[in-house]
Amino acid sequence: PYQELASTSVVATGYGPGDEAFARLGVVGPTRMDYPGSMAAVRAVARYVSRILDEA
């Protein structure tokens, strides 16, 4: 049904205050994307958002 997504992949991780992951953050990209770079970027943003939630 979604042929446009046939050549895509998702890199995602959980985030939330403390060690509680109540939401997910990720990127959708081509199957042959730079996985190490994408994973590092997603984790970095998730850590940043988690820190902001810890301060709230």
PDB file of N, CA and C in Angstrom:
ATOM      1  N   PRO A   1       0.796  -1.202   0.000  1.00  0.00           N
ATOM      2  CA  PRO A   1       0.000   0.000   0.000  1.00  0.00           C
ATOM      3  C   PRO A   1       0.843   1.273   0.000  1.00  0.00           C
ATOM      4  N   TYR A   2       2.050   1.239   0.565  1.00  0.00           N
ATOM      5  CA  TYR A   2       2.904   2.419   0.651  1.00  0.00           C
ATOM      6  C   TYR A   2       4.191   2.182  -0.126  1.00  0.00           C
ATOM      7  N   GLN A   3       4.084   2.070  -1.434  1.00  0.00           N
ATOM      8  CA  GLN A   3       5.250   1.798  -2.279  1.00  0.00           C
ATOM      9  C   GLN A   3       6.311   2.880  -2.146  1.00  0.00           C
ATOM     10  N   GLU A   4       5.905   4.103  -1.863  1.00  0.00           N
ATOM     11  CA  GLU A   4       6.865   5.201  -1.734  1.00  0.00           C
ATOM     12  C   GLU A   4       7.831   4.970  -0.576  1.00  0.00           C
ATOM     13  N   LEU A   5       7.419   4.182   0.406  1.00  0.00           N
ATOM     14  CA  LEU A   5       8.254   3.930   1.580  1.00  0.00           C
ATOM     15  C   LEU A   5       9.063   2.639   1.470  1.00  0.00           C
ATOM     16  N   ALA A   6       8.966   1.945   0.360  1.00  0.00           N
ATOM     17  CA  ALA A   6       9.634   0.650   0.208  1.00  0.00           C
ATOM     18  C   ALA A   6      11.147   0.751   0.337  1.00  0.00           C
ATOM     19  N   SER A   7      11.731   1.859  -0.036  1.00  0.00           N
ATOM     20  CA  SER A   7      13.192   1.995   0.023  1.00  0.00           C
ATOM     21  C   SER A   7      13.629   2.924   1.157  1.00  0.00           C
ATOM     22  N   THR A   8      12.851   2.953   2.245  1.00  0.00           N
ATOM     23  CA  THR A   8      13.196   3.810   3.378  1.00  0.00           C
ATOM     24  C   THR A   8      13.423   2.975   4.636  1.00  0.00           C
ATOM     25  N   SER A   9      14.094   3.573   5.594  1.00  0.00           N
ATOM     26  CA  SER A   9      14.333   2.957   6.898  1.00  0.00           C
ATOM     27  C   SER A   9      14.069   3.994   7.978  1.00  0.00           C
ATOM     28  N   VAL A  10      13.885   3.506   9.198  1.00  0.00           N
ATOM     29  CA  VAL A  10      13.641   4.383  10.336  1.00  0.00           C
ATOM     30  C   VAL A  10      14.724   4.145  11.381  1.00  0.00           C
ATOM     31  N   VAL A  11      15.277   5.222  11.906  1.00  0.00           N
ATOM     32  CA  VAL A  11      16.190   5.167  13.048  1.00  0.00           C
ATOM     33  C   VAL A  11      15.487   5.924  14.164  1.00  0.00           C
ATOM     34  N   ALA A  12      15.226   5.246  15.293  1.00  0.00           N
ATOM     35  CA  ALA A  12      14.460   5.878  16.371  1.00  0.00           C
ATOM     36  C   ALA A  12      15.004   5.468  17.730  1.00  0.00           C
ATOM     37  N   THR A  13      14.703   6.280  18.725  1.00  0.00           N
ATOM     38  CA  THR A  13      15.060   5.986  20.110  1.00  0.00           C
ATOM     39  C   THR A  13      14.016   6.611  21.023  1.00  0.00           C
ATOM     40  N   GLY A  14      13.957   6.131  22.247  1.00  0.00           N
ATOM     41  CA  GLY A  14      13.024   6.684  23.216  1.00  0.00           C
ATOM     42  C   GLY A  14      13.637   7.858  23.961  1.00  0.00           C
ATOM     43  N   TYR A  15      12.789   8.729  24.502  1.00  0.00           N
ATOM     44  CA  TYR A  15      13.265   9.841  25.324  1.00  0.00           C
ATOM     45  C   TYR A  15      12.224  10.178  26.368  1.00  0.00           C
ATOM     46  N   GLY A  16      12.666  10.852  27.393  1.00  0.00           N
ATOM     47  CA  GLY A  16      11.770  11.273  28.457  1.00  0.00           C
ATOM     48  C   GLY A  16      12.572  11.709  29.664  1.00  0.00           C
ATOM     49  N   PRO A  17      11.892  12.183  30.695  1.00  0.00           N
ATOM     50  CA  PRO A  17      12.603  12.636  31.890  1.00  0.00           C
ATOM     51  C   PRO A  17      13.241  11.454  32.621  1.00  0.00           C
ATOM     52  N   GLY A  18      14.463  11.653  33.106  1.00  0.00           N
ATOM     53  CA  GLY A  18      15.164  10.581  33.808  1.00  0.00           C
ATOM     54  C   GLY A  18      15.409   9.398  32.891  1.00  0.00           C
ATOM     55  N   ASP A  19      15.156   8.204  33.424  1.00  0.00           N
ATOM     56  CA  ASP A  19      15.331   6.986  32.626  1.00  0.00           C
ATOM     57  C   ASP A  19      14.021   6.518  32.006  1.00  0.00           C
ATOM     58  N   GLU A  20      12.977   7.312  32.150  1.00  0.00           N
ATOM     59  CA  GLU A  20      11.653   6.942  31.650  1.00  0.00           C
ATOM     60  C   GLU A  20      11.497   7.375  30.192  1.00  0.00           C
ATOM     61  N   ALA A  21      11.342   6.406  29.295  1.00  0.00           N
ATOM     62  CA  ALA A  21      11.142   6.726  27.876  1.00  0.00           C
ATOM     63  C   ALA A  21       9.646   6.669  27.582  1.00  0.00           C
ATOM     64  N   PHE A  22       9.011   7.828  27.507  1.00  0.00           N
ATOM     65  CA  PHE A  22       7.571   7.846  27.259  1.00  0.00           C
ATOM     66  C   PHE A  22       7.226   8.297  25.851  1.00  0.00           C
ATOM     67  N   ALA A  23       8.222   8.625  25.058  1.00  0.00           N
ATOM     68  CA  ALA A  23       7.977   9.033  23.671  1.00  0.00           C
ATOM     69  C   ALA A  23       9.144   8.563  22.814  1.00  0.00           C
ATOM     70  N   ARG A  24       8.974   8.632  21.506  1.00  0.00           N
ATOM     71  CA  ARG A  24      10.017   8.208  20.586  1.00  0.00           C
ATOM     72  C   ARG A  24      10.327   9.337  19.623  1.00  0.00           C
ATOM     73  N   LEU A  25      11.590   9.379  19.234  1.00  0.00           N
ATOM     74  CA  LEU A  25      12.082  10.386  18.308  1.00  0.00           C
ATOM     75  C   LEU A  25      12.873   9.651  17.240  1.00  0.00           C
ATOM     76  N   GLY A  26      12.706  10.043  15.990  1.00  0.00           N
ATOM     77  CA  GLY A  26      13.452   9.350  14.948  1.00  0.00           C
ATOM     78  C   GLY A  26      13.486  10.101  13.638  1.00  0.00           C
ATOM     79  N   VAL A  27      14.147   9.470  12.689  1.00  0.00           N
ATOM     80  CA  VAL A  27      14.230  10.006  11.336  1.00  0.00           C
ATOM     81  C   VAL A  27      13.865   8.905  10.353  1.00  0.00           C
ATOM     82  N   VAL A  28      13.310   9.309   9.240  1.00  0.00           N
ATOM     83  CA  VAL A  28      13.041   8.404   8.124  1.00  0.00           C
ATOM     84  C   VAL A  28      13.989   8.808   7.017  1.00  0.00           C
ATOM     85  N   GLY A  29      14.703   7.839   6.488  1.00  0.00           N
ATOM     86  CA  GLY A  29      15.669   8.147   5.439  1.00  0.00           C
ATOM     87  C   GLY A  29      15.795   6.999   4.462  1.00  0.00           C
ATOM     88  N   PRO A  30      16.670   7.149   3.495  1.00  0.00           N
ATOM     89  CA  PRO A  30      16.862   6.082   2.516  1.00  0.00           C
ATOM     90  C   PRO A  30      17.480   4.846   3.169  1.00  0.00           C
ATOM     91  N   THR A  31      17.217   3.692   2.606  1.00  0.00           N
ATOM     92  CA  THR A  31      17.751   2.446   3.148  1.00  0.00           C
ATOM     93  C   THR A  31      19.263   2.492   3.280  1.00  0.00           C
ATOM     94  N   ARG A  32      19.934   3.163   2.373  1.00  0.00           N
ATOM     95  CA  ARG A  32      21.396   3.233   2.396  1.00  0.00           C
ATOM     96  C   ARG A  32      21.920   4.521   3.035  1.00  0.00           C
ATOM     97  N   MET A  33      21.223   5.001   4.068  1.00  0.00           N
ATOM     98  CA  MET A  33      21.680   6.217   4.747  1.00  0.00           C
ATOM     99  C   MET A  33      22.891   5.904   5.635  1.00  0.00           C
ATOM    100  N   ASP A  34      23.508   6.935   6.147  1.00  0.00           N
ATOM    101  CA  ASP A  34      24.636   6.814   7.071  1.00  0.00           C
ATOM    102  C   ASP A  34      24.075   6.452   8.449  1.00  0.00           C
ATOM    103  N   TYR A  35      23.976   5.144   8.726  1.00  0.00           N
ATOM    104  CA  TYR A  35      23.359   4.703   9.976  1.00  0.00           C
ATOM    105  C   TYR A  35      24.112   5.180  11.217  1.00  0.00           C
ATOM    106  N   PRO A  36      25.444   5.033  11.286  1.00  0.00           N
ATOM    107  CA  PRO A  36      26.135   5.518  12.491  1.00  0.00           C
ATOM    108  C   PRO A  36      25.899   7.016  12.736  1.00  0.00           C
ATOM    109  N   GLY A  37      25.958   7.813  11.693  1.00  0.00           N
ATOM    110  CA  GLY A  37      25.723   9.249  11.836  1.00  0.00           C
ATOM    111  C   GLY A  37      24.290   9.557  12.223  1.00  0.00           C
ATOM    112  N   SER A  38      23.345   8.864  11.598  1.00  0.00           N
ATOM    113  CA  SER A  38      21.925   9.085  11.905  1.00  0.00           C
ATOM    114  C   SER A  38      21.608   8.668  13.332  1.00  0.00           C
ATOM    115  N   MET A  39      22.147   7.522  13.756  1.00  0.00           N
ATOM    116  CA  MET A  39      21.905   7.054  15.122  1.00  0.00           C
ATOM    117  C   MET A  39      22.492   8.022  16.143  1.00  0.00           C
ATOM    118  N   ALA A  40      23.687   8.522  15.877  1.00  0.00           N
ATOM    119  CA  ALA A  40      24.309   9.480  16.796  1.00  0.00           C
ATOM    120  C   ALA A  40      23.493  10.763  16.880  1.00  0.00           C
ATOM    121  N   ALA A  41      23.009  11.241  15.752  1.00  0.00           N
ATOM    122  CA  ALA A  41      22.218  12.474  15.740  1.00  0.00           C
ATOM    123  C   ALA A  41      20.899  12.294  16.484  1.00  0.00           C
ATOM    124  N   VAL A  42      20.218  11.181  16.247  1.00  0.00           N
ATOM    125  CA  VAL A  42      18.937  10.930  16.917  1.00  0.00           C
ATOM    126  C   VAL A  42      19.156  10.807  18.423  1.00  0.00           C
ATOM    127  N   ARG A  43      20.186  10.082  18.833  1.00  0.00           N
ATOM    128  CA  ARG A  43      20.471   9.952  20.271  1.00  0.00           C
ATOM    129  C   ARG A  43      20.805  11.298  20.899  1.00  0.00           C
ATOM    130  N   ALA A  44      21.579  12.114  20.197  1.00  0.00           N
ATOM    131  CA  ALA A  44      21.961  13.425  20.734  1.00  0.00           C
ATOM    132  C   ALA A  44      20.736  14.309  20.936  1.00  0.00           C
ATOM    133  N   VAL A  45      19.847  14.344  19.966  1.00  0.00           N
ATOM    134  CA  VAL A  45      18.630  15.159  20.094  1.00  0.00           C
ATOM    135  C   VAL A  45      17.747  14.603  21.207  1.00  0.00           C
ATOM    136  N   ALA A  46      17.648  13.279  21.306  1.00  0.00           N
ATOM    137  CA  ALA A  46      16.838  12.669  22.368  1.00  0.00           C
ATOM    138  C   ALA A  46      17.396  13.020  23.743  1.00  0.00           C
ATOM    139  N   ARG A  47      18.718  12.995  23.902  1.00  0.00           N
ATOM    140  CA  ARG A  47      19.327  13.385  25.181  1.00  0.00           C
ATOM    141  C   ARG A  47      19.035  14.850  25.493  1.00  0.00           C
ATOM    142  N   TYR A  48      19.129  15.699  24.485  1.00  0.00           N
ATOM    143  CA  TYR A  48      18.860  17.129  24.659  1.00  0.00           C
ATOM    144  C   TYR A  48      17.410  17.354  25.104  1.00  0.00           C
ATOM    145  N   VAL A  49      16.469  16.704  24.429  1.00  0.00           N
ATOM    146  CA  VAL A  49      15.054  16.853  24.783  1.00  0.00           C
ATOM    147  C   VAL A  49      14.808  16.295  26.187  1.00  0.00           C
ATOM    148  N   SER A  50      15.437  15.168  26.516  1.00  0.00           N
ATOM    149  CA  SER A  50      15.277  14.592  27.855  1.00  0.00           C
ATOM    150  C   SER A  50      15.770  15.551  28.926  1.00  0.00           C
ATOM    151  N   ARG A  51      16.905  16.214  28.680  1.00  0.00           N
ATOM    152  CA  ARG A  51      17.430  17.189  29.649  1.00  0.00           C
ATOM    153  C   ARG A  51      16.453  18.345  29.848  1.00  0.00           C
ATOM    154  N   ILE A  52      15.870  18.812  28.754  1.00  0.00           N
ATOM    155  CA  ILE A  52      14.887  19.896  28.854  1.00  0.00           C
ATOM    156  C   ILE A  52      13.688  19.444  29.689  1.00  0.00           C
ATOM    157  N   LEU A  53      13.234  18.211  29.474  1.00  0.00           N
ATOM    158  CA  LEU A  53      12.101  17.697  30.244  1.00  0.00           C
ATOM    159  C   LEU A  53      12.463  17.513  31.713  1.00  0.00           C
ATOM    160  N   ASP A  54      13.713  17.147  31.999  1.00  0.00           N
ATOM    161  CA  ASP A  54      14.155  17.015  33.392  1.00  0.00           C
ATOM    162  C   ASP A  54      14.091  18.352  34.119  1.00  0.00           C
ATOM    163  N   GLU A  55      14.373  19.435  33.406  1.00  0.00           N
ATOM    164  CA  GLU A  55      14.382  20.768  34.009  1.00  0.00           C
ATOM    165  C   GLU A  55      12.981  21.328  34.209  1.00  0.00           C
ATOM    166  N   ALA A  56      12.015  20.799  33.487  1.00  0.00           N
ATOM    167  CA  ALA A  56      10.643  21.327  33.551  1.00  0.00           C
ATOM    168  C   ALA A  56       9.943  20.925  34.826  1.00  0.00           C
TER     169      ALA A  56
END
